Amino acid sequence: MFRLSRLVFALLSSLFLALSPAWAHDGHHGHGITIEQPWARQTGTRTMSAAVYLIIQNDSDELETLLDAHTDRAEMTEVHRSFEEDGIMRMEHVEEVPLAPGETMEFAPGGYHIMLMRLTEPLKEGDVFPMVLTFENQGEVTVYVEVTGMAGPKAD
């Protein structure tokens, strides 16, 4: 069943990519952003927060800035950065994430992530839900987040 949901997710994502002006590429470099592999781990029934990970590439010729993210699956959504300081892992809210022209930034465990707080319902493996990212120049871009098992995405 998980394979089928991954196939449906891949097909929907491909269709969305083909239709989305934020991700459209006309063969020229420098026309927007590309977002790949948005995912989150499943949560337990009592878990109130989760993190979303993804890869953002600035394909434009100008500085782009991630300003915000939101989804109906959480009452509050913030961009966070995890880091180690004096041997202790810490996490902080980040107001914005600048992306230089041509830069690719991976939001991954132990680094940048999008924190979903006060989940409206648990995240179940195989679920796919929309999340809107707001960029300074590109505006709003909808991505579809795949919920994986606790180990994260499986390599194909």
C-alpha atoms as a PDB file:
ATOM      1  CA  MET A   1       0.000   0.000   0.000  1.00  0.00           C
ATOM      2  CA  PHE A   2       2.870   2.389   0.817  1.00  0.00           C
ATOM      3  CA  ARG A   3       4.312   1.780  -2.670  1.00  0.00           C
ATOM      4  CA  LEU A   4       0.952   2.642  -4.232  1.00  0.00           C
ATOM      5  CA  SER A   5       0.695   5.869  -2.213  1.00  0.00           C
ATOM      6  CA  ARG A   6       4.269   6.746  -3.251  1.00  0.00           C
ATOM      7  CA  LEU A   7       3.281   6.166  -6.888  1.00  0.00           C
ATOM      8  CA  VAL A   8       0.186   8.365  -6.529  1.00  0.00           C
ATOM      9  CA  PHE A   9       2.311  11.008  -4.780  1.00  0.00           C
ATOM     10  CA  ALA A  10       4.901  10.882  -7.569  1.00  0.00           C
ATOM     11  CA  LEU A  11       2.234  11.190 -10.267  1.00  0.00           C
ATOM     12  CA  LEU A  12       0.498  14.102  -8.515  1.00  0.00           C
ATOM     13  CA  SER A  13       3.827  15.823  -7.898  1.00  0.00           C
ATOM     14  CA  SER A  14       4.810  15.427 -11.551  1.00  0.00           C
ATOM     15  CA  LEU A  15       1.495  16.880 -12.678  1.00  0.00           C
ATOM     16  CA  PHE A  16       1.829  19.777 -10.255  1.00  0.00           C
ATOM     17  CA  LEU A  17       5.391  20.457 -11.393  1.00  0.00           C
ATOM     18  CA  ALA A  18       4.262  20.549 -14.990  1.00  0.00           C
ATOM     19  CA  LEU A  19       1.484  23.035 -14.233  1.00  0.00           C
ATOM     20  CA  SER A  20       3.091  25.258 -11.573  1.00  0.00           C
ATOM     21  CA  PRO A  21       4.542  28.549 -12.854  1.00  0.00           C
ATOM     22  CA  ALA A  22       6.866  28.702  -9.844  1.00  0.00           C
ATOM     23  CA  TRP A  23       8.549  25.509 -10.964  1.00  0.00           C
ATOM     24  CA  ALA A  24       8.172  25.905 -14.711  1.00  0.00           C
ATOM     25  CA  HIS A  25      11.336  25.866 -16.748  1.00  0.00           C
ATOM     26  CA  ASP A  26      11.361  27.074 -20.330  1.00  0.00           C
ATOM     27  CA  GLY A  27      14.863  25.873 -21.084  1.00  0.00           C
ATOM     28  CA  HIS A  28      16.531  29.048 -19.761  1.00  0.00           C
ATOM     29  CA  HIS A  29      18.409  29.312 -16.503  1.00  0.00           C
ATOM     30  CA  GLY A  30      17.165  31.959 -14.118  1.00  0.00           C
ATOM     31  CA  HIS A  31      13.396  31.563 -13.915  1.00  0.00           C
ATOM     32  CA  GLY A  32      12.322  30.733 -10.369  1.00  0.00           C
ATOM     33  CA  ILE A  33      12.805  28.033  -7.821  1.00  0.00           C
ATOM     34  CA  THR A  34      12.704  24.257  -7.691  1.00  0.00           C
ATOM     35  CA  ILE A  35      11.523  22.380  -4.619  1.00  0.00           C
ATOM     36  CA  GLU A  36      12.211  18.666  -4.297  1.00  0.00           C
ATOM     37  CA  GLN A  37      11.539  15.805  -1.901  1.00  0.00           C
ATOM     38  CA  PRO A  38       9.285  17.425   0.726  1.00  0.00           C
ATOM     39  CA  TRP A  39       8.766  14.889   3.522  1.00  0.00           C
ATOM     40  CA  ALA A  40       7.921  14.533   7.202  1.00  0.00           C
ATOM     41  CA  ARG A  41       8.091  11.616   9.623  1.00  0.00           C
ATOM     42  CA  GLN A  42       4.943   9.961  10.914  1.00  0.00           C
ATOM     43  CA  THR A  43       3.873  11.035  14.404  1.00  0.00           C
ATOM     44  CA  GLY A  44       2.220   9.307  17.330  1.00  0.00           C
ATOM     45  CA  THR A  45      -1.312  10.104  18.409  1.00  0.00           C
ATOM     46  CA  ARG A  46      -0.084  12.355  21.233  1.00  0.00           C
ATOM     47  CA  THR A  47       2.675  14.104  19.291  1.00  0.00           C
ATOM     48  CA  MET A  48       1.963  17.814  18.908  1.00  0.00           C
ATOM     49  CA  SER A  49       4.737  18.780  16.490  1.00  0.00           C
ATOM     50  CA  ALA A  50       6.635  17.536  13.452  1.00  0.00           C
ATOM     51  CA  ALA A  51       9.314  18.745  11.058  1.00  0.00           C
ATOM     52  CA  VAL A  52       9.163  19.009   7.273  1.00  0.00           C
ATOM     53  CA  TYR A  53      12.330  18.576   5.225  1.00  0.00           C
ATOM     54  CA  LEU A  54      12.934  19.441   1.575  1.00  0.00           C
ATOM     55  CA  ILE A  55      15.434  20.774  -0.938  1.00  0.00           C
ATOM     56  CA  ILE A  56      15.102  24.283  -2.395  1.00  0.00           C
ATOM     57  CA  GLN A  57      17.083  25.444  -5.411  1.00  0.00           C
ATOM     58  CA  ASN A  58      17.141  29.081  -6.514  1.00  0.00           C
ATOM     59  CA  ASP A  59      17.178  28.834 -10.305  1.00  0.00           C
ATOM     60  CA  SER A  60      16.870  32.598 -10.743  1.00  0.00           C
ATOM     61  CA  ASP A  61      19.534  35.200 -11.365  1.00  0.00           C
ATOM     62  CA  GLU A  62      18.623  37.146  -8.203  1.00  0.00           C
ATOM     63  CA  LEU A  63      18.578  36.636  -4.456  1.00  0.00           C
ATOM     64  CA  GLU A  64      15.430  34.824  -3.322  1.00  0.00           C
ATOM     65  CA  THR A  65      14.242  34.624   0.274  1.00  0.00           C
ATOM     66  CA  LEU A  66      11.983  32.092   1.976  1.00  0.00           C
ATOM     67  CA  LEU A  67       9.748  34.200   4.228  1.00  0.00           C
ATOM     68  CA  ASP A  68       7.088  31.860   5.582  1.00  0.00           C
ATOM     69  CA  ALA A  69       5.392  28.475   5.403  1.00  0.00           C
ATOM     70  CA  HIS A  70       1.938  27.288   6.386  1.00  0.00           C
ATOM     71  CA  THR A  71      -0.316  24.252   6.199  1.00  0.00           C
ATOM     72  CA  ASP A  72      -3.747  23.307   7.503  1.00  0.00           C
ATOM     73  CA  ARG A  73      -2.137  20.301   9.238  1.00  0.00           C
ATOM     74  CA  ALA A  74      -0.751  22.577  11.982  1.00  0.00           C
ATOM     75  CA  GLU A  75      -2.018  25.590  13.905  1.00  0.00           C
ATOM     76  CA  MET A  76       1.433  27.199  13.740  1.00  0.00           C
ATOM     77  CA  THR A  77       4.291  26.776  11.264  1.00  0.00           C
ATOM     78  CA  GLU A  78       7.796  28.268  11.518  1.00  0.00           C
ATOM     79  CA  VAL A  79      11.143  27.862   9.816  1.00  0.00           C
ATOM     80  CA  HIS A  80      13.721  26.609  12.342  1.00  0.00           C
ATOM     81  CA  ARG A  81      17.421  25.882  12.381  1.00  0.00           C
ATOM     82  CA  SER A  82      19.009  23.214  14.581  1.00  0.00           C
ATOM     83  CA  PHE A  83      22.656  23.576  15.523  1.00  0.00           C
ATOM     84  CA  GLU A  84      25.164  22.407  18.093  1.00  0.00           C
ATOM     85  CA  GLU A  85      26.568  24.899  20.586  1.00  0.00           C
ATOM     86  CA  ASP A  86      28.891  23.944  23.443  1.00  0.00           C
ATOM     87  CA  GLY A  87      28.068  20.270  22.901  1.00  0.00           C
ATOM     88  CA  ILE A  88      24.299  20.872  23.172  1.00  0.00           C
ATOM     89  CA  MET A  89      21.823  20.675  20.293  1.00  0.00           C
ATOM     90  CA  ARG A  90      19.717  23.809  20.056  1.00  0.00           C
ATOM     91  CA  MET A  91      16.916  25.005  17.808  1.00  0.00           C
ATOM     92  CA  GLU A  92      15.942  28.557  16.877  1.00  0.00           C
ATOM     93  CA  HIS A  93      13.203  30.242  14.861  1.00  0.00           C
ATOM     94  CA  VAL A  94      14.511  31.830  11.651  1.00  0.00           C
ATOM     95  CA  GLU A  95      12.628  34.838  10.243  1.00  0.00           C
ATOM     96  CA  GLU A  96      13.855  34.324   6.678  1.00  0.00           C
ATOM     97  CA  VAL A  97      16.180  32.114   4.661  1.00  0.00           C
ATOM     98  CA  PRO A  98      18.096  33.843   1.842  1.00  0.00           C
ATOM     99  CA  LEU A  99      19.067  31.792  -1.213  1.00  0.00           C
ATOM    100  CA  ALA A 100      21.743  33.195  -3.520  1.00  0.00           C
ATOM    101  CA  PRO A 101      21.309  32.804  -7.298  1.00  0.00           C
ATOM    102  CA  GLY A 102      22.025  29.181  -8.211  1.00  0.00           C
ATOM    103  CA  GLU A 103      22.145  28.079  -4.553  1.00  0.00           C
ATOM    104  CA  THR A 104      20.649  24.778  -3.417  1.00  0.00           C
ATOM    105  CA  MET A 105      19.721  24.441   0.248  1.00  0.00           C
ATOM    106  CA  GLU A 106      18.754  21.169   1.883  1.00  0.00           C
ATOM    107  CA  PHE A 107      16.391  21.310   4.840  1.00  0.00           C
ATOM    108  CA  ALA A 108      17.375  18.119   6.669  1.00  0.00           C
ATOM    109  CA  PRO A 109      17.411  16.585  10.162  1.00  0.00           C
ATOM    110  CA  GLY A 110      19.956  18.410  12.318  1.00  0.00           C
ATOM    111  CA  GLY A 111      19.745  21.622  10.264  1.00  0.00           C
ATOM    112  CA  TYR A 112      17.063  23.804   8.716  1.00  0.00           C
ATOM    113  CA  HIS A 113      13.495  22.469   8.807  1.00  0.00           C
ATOM    114  CA  ILE A 114       9.912  23.687   8.789  1.00  0.00           C
ATOM    115  CA  MET A 115       8.390  23.094  12.209  1.00  0.00           C
ATOM    116  CA  LEU A 116       4.718  22.178  12.382  1.00  0.00           C
ATOM    117  CA  MET A 117       3.364  22.964  15.849  1.00  0.00           C
ATOM    118  CA  ARG A 118       0.030  22.014  17.384  1.00  0.00           C
ATOM    119  CA  LEU A 119      -0.768  19.448  14.710  1.00  0.00           C
ATOM    120  CA  THR A 120      -4.461  19.297  13.806  1.00  0.00           C
ATOM    121  CA  GLU A 121      -4.171  15.499  13.483  1.00  0.00           C
ATOM    122  CA  PRO A 122      -1.370  12.926  13.622  1.00  0.00           C
ATOM    123  CA  LEU A 123       0.777  12.473  10.520  1.00  0.00           C
ATOM    124  CA  LYS A 124       0.325   8.912   9.253  1.00  0.00           C
ATOM    125  CA  GLU A 125       2.795   7.095   7.023  1.00  0.00           C
ATOM    126  CA  GLY A 126       1.595   7.311   3.428  1.00  0.00           C
ATOM    127  CA  ASP A 127      -0.299  10.589   3.927  1.00  0.00           C
ATOM    128  CA  VAL A 128       0.377  13.458   1.534  1.00  0.00           C
ATOM    129  CA  PHE A 129      -0.600  17.011   2.497  1.00  0.00           C
ATOM    130  CA  PRO A 130      -0.158  20.469   0.947  1.00  0.00           C
ATOM    131  CA  MET A 131       2.075  23.138   2.436  1.00  0.00           C
ATOM    132  CA  VAL A 132       2.475  26.675   1.082  1.00  0.00           C
ATOM    133  CA  LEU A 133       5.920  28.301   1.064  1.00  0.00           C
ATOM    134  CA  THR A 134       6.076  32.078   0.662  1.00  0.00           C
ATOM    135  CA  PHE A 135       9.059  33.594  -1.129  1.00  0.00           C
ATOM    136  CA  GLU A 136       9.948  37.257  -1.449  1.00  0.00           C
ATOM    137  CA  ASN A 137      10.050  37.282  -5.275  1.00  0.00           C
ATOM    138  CA  GLN A 138       8.324  34.063  -6.319  1.00  0.00           C
ATOM    139  CA  GLY A 139       5.323  34.496  -4.008  1.00  0.00           C
ATOM    140  CA  GLU A 140       3.400  31.475  -2.778  1.00  0.00           C
ATOM    141  CA  VAL A 141       4.422  27.997  -3.918  1.00  0.00           C
ATOM    142  CA  THR A 142       2.435  24.912  -2.899  1.00  0.00           C
ATOM    143  CA  VAL A 143       4.340  21.699  -2.269  1.00  0.00           C
ATOM    144  CA  TYR A 144       2.990  18.276  -1.322  1.00  0.00           C
ATOM    145  CA  VAL A 145       4.626  16.714   1.718  1.00  0.00           C
ATOM    146  CA  GLU A 146       4.884  12.921   1.877  1.00  0.00           C
ATOM    147  CA  VAL A 147       4.681  11.391   5.354  1.00  0.00           C
ATOM    148  CA  THR A 148       7.246   8.604   5.764  1.00  0.00           C
ATOM    149  CA  GLY A 149       8.003   6.098   8.469  1.00  0.00           C
ATOM    150  CA  MET A 150      10.308   7.010  11.333  1.00  0.00           C
ATOM    151  CA  ALA A 151      13.417   6.197   9.269  1.00  0.00           C
ATOM    152  CA  GLY A 152      12.576   8.871   6.680  1.00  0.00           C
ATOM    153  CA  PRO A 153      12.325   8.410   2.917  1.00  0.00           C
ATOM    154  CA  LYS A 154      13.413   5.073   1.545  1.00  0.00           C
ATOM    155  CA  ALA A 155      15.960   5.071  -1.250  1.00  0.00           C
ATOM    156  CA  ASP A 156      14.520   3.604  -4.440  1.00  0.00           C
END
